[in-house]
């Protein structure tokens, strides 16, 4: 399952300028906030979480909240995503890979999710 999201980074910039850390606390864990170096980083993290929720087919809401996901960095500084036990069990998740890119005033994230639940392909 694949999800993608794009966000205009200036949207995140305005949110952070207006609300400060409270803006980040609405969608990031404390450990994630420590990784945020700029509003562009925060925008990328937002995009990852939105893309993941799209990949599993729920969007952000009661089945999958921003706090069911946690972004961290591996030893090489690459972003990784850990998931709540609730998500792993509910969607029988095996693995997740993420990619974030920034270009100009945009941040884009792609998430690839592996699950033991078979895809349901519509037939005609």
Protein backbone atom coordinates (compact mmCIF):
# COMPACT_ATOMS: atom_id res chain seq x y z
CA UNK A 1 0.00 0.00 0.00
CA UNK A 2 1.36 3.41 -0.94
CA UNK A 3 0.45 6.88 0.30
CA UNK A 4 1.69 10.30 -0.79
CA UNK A 5 1.20 13.80 0.55
CA UNK A 6 2.37 17.28 -0.37
CA UNK A 7 2.27 20.41 1.76
CA UNK A 8 3.19 23.99 0.99
CA UNK A 9 5.89 24.73 3.57
CA UNK A 10 4.75 28.34 3.99
CA UNK A 11 1.54 26.95 5.51
CA UNK A 12 3.61 25.30 8.25
CA UNK A 13 5.71 28.47 8.61
CA UNK A 14 2.59 30.56 9.31
CA UNK A 15 1.29 27.98 11.78
CA UNK A 16 4.59 27.90 13.70
CA UNK A 17 4.94 31.71 13.67
CA UNK A 18 1.41 32.09 15.00
CA UNK A 19 1.33 29.30 17.60
CA UNK A 20 4.99 28.39 18.25
CA UNK A 21 5.64 24.97 19.78
CA UNK A 22 1.90 24.51 20.38
CA UNK A 23 1.53 24.12 16.61
CA UNK A 24 4.07 21.31 16.59
CA UNK A 25 2.56 19.69 19.68
CA UNK A 26 -0.70 19.20 17.76
CA UNK A 27 0.88 16.54 15.55
CA UNK A 28 4.34 15.66 16.88
CA UNK A 29 5.65 13.75 19.90
CA UNK A 30 8.20 15.54 22.11
CA UNK A 31 11.01 13.43 20.61
CA UNK A 32 9.97 14.43 17.11
CA UNK A 33 9.91 18.13 17.99
CA UNK A 34 13.57 17.81 19.03
CA UNK A 35 14.36 16.70 15.45
CA UNK A 36 12.66 19.71 13.87
CA UNK A 37 15.31 22.13 12.61
CA UNK A 38 12.96 24.42 10.67
CA UNK A 39 9.37 24.82 9.52
CA UNK A 40 10.35 22.89 6.39
CA UNK A 41 11.32 19.87 8.49
CA UNK A 42 8.01 20.13 10.34
CA UNK A 43 6.16 20.26 7.02
CA UNK A 44 7.93 17.10 5.88
CA UNK A 45 6.95 15.32 9.09
CA UNK A 46 3.32 16.41 8.59
CA UNK A 47 3.42 15.02 5.05
CA UNK A 48 4.79 11.66 6.26
CA UNK A 49 1.99 11.21 8.76
CA UNK A 50 -0.68 12.20 6.24
CA UNK A 51 0.83 9.90 3.60
CA UNK A 52 0.91 6.95 6.02
CA UNK A 53 -2.74 7.45 6.96
CA UNK A 54 -3.63 7.49 3.26
CA UNK A 55 -1.62 4.32 2.63
CA UNK A 56 -3.68 2.39 5.17
CA UNK A 57 -6.87 3.94 3.84
CA UNK A 58 -8.11 5.82 6.89
CA UNK A 59 -6.78 9.35 6.77
CA UNK A 60 -6.04 11.06 10.07
CA UNK A 61 -8.83 10.43 12.56
CA UNK A 62 -9.97 8.02 15.25
CA UNK A 63 -8.49 4.93 13.56
CA UNK A 64 -5.12 6.57 12.96
CA UNK A 65 -4.08 9.68 14.85
CA UNK A 66 -0.93 11.76 14.45
CA UNK A 67 0.24 10.25 17.75
CA UNK A 68 -0.03 6.64 16.51
CA UNK A 69 3.10 7.38 14.46
CA UNK A 70 6.54 8.56 15.52
CA UNK A 71 9.30 9.73 13.19
CA UNK A 72 12.89 9.12 14.23
CA UNK A 73 16.30 9.12 12.56
CA UNK A 74 18.49 6.07 12.01
CA UNK A 75 22.27 6.05 12.56
CA UNK A 76 22.80 7.63 9.14
CA UNK A 77 20.24 10.39 9.74
CA UNK A 78 17.58 8.88 7.47
CA UNK A 79 13.99 9.35 8.64
CA UNK A 80 12.15 6.25 9.85
CA UNK A 81 8.62 5.69 11.14
CA UNK A 82 7.60 3.70 14.20
CA UNK A 83 3.97 2.81 14.77
CA UNK A 84 1.69 2.20 17.73
CA UNK A 85 0.85 -1.37 18.67
CA UNK A 86 -2.79 -0.49 17.91
CA UNK A 87 -1.96 0.29 14.25
CA UNK A 88 0.35 -2.68 13.77
CA UNK A 89 -2.27 -5.10 15.06
CA UNK A 90 -5.35 -3.49 13.50
CA UNK A 91 -3.85 -3.35 10.00
CA UNK A 92 -1.53 -6.41 10.35
CA UNK A 93 1.47 -4.31 9.38
CA UNK A 94 4.83 -5.89 8.63
CA UNK A 95 7.01 -3.01 7.45
CA UNK A 96 6.93 0.65 6.50
CA UNK A 97 9.33 2.72 4.39
CA UNK A 98 9.23 6.50 4.06
CA UNK A 99 10.80 9.13 1.85
CA UNK A 100 10.65 12.90 2.33
CA UNK A 101 11.77 15.53 -0.15
CA UNK A 102 11.71 19.31 -0.21
CA UNK A 103 11.72 21.50 -3.30
CA UNK A 104 11.19 25.22 -3.14
CA UNK A 105 8.08 25.89 -1.09
CA UNK A 106 6.88 22.26 -0.98
CA UNK A 107 7.51 19.15 1.10
CA UNK A 108 6.47 15.77 -0.29
CA UNK A 109 6.37 12.40 1.46
CA UNK A 110 5.83 8.91 0.11
CA UNK A 111 5.09 5.96 2.37
CA UNK A 112 5.15 2.29 1.41
CA UNK A 113 3.38 -0.06 3.82
CA UNK A 114 3.61 -3.86 3.82
CA UNK A 115 0.74 -5.78 5.40
CA UNK A 116 -0.38 -9.38 5.70
CA UNK A 117 -3.90 -8.28 4.75
CA UNK A 118 -4.41 -9.03 1.06
CA UNK A 119 -5.31 -6.15 -1.23
CA UNK A 120 -8.91 -6.21 -2.34
CA UNK A 121 -8.85 -5.58 -6.06
CA UNK A 122 -12.07 -4.40 -7.64
CA UNK A 123 -13.11 -6.61 -10.54
CA UNK A 124 -15.35 -5.89 -13.50
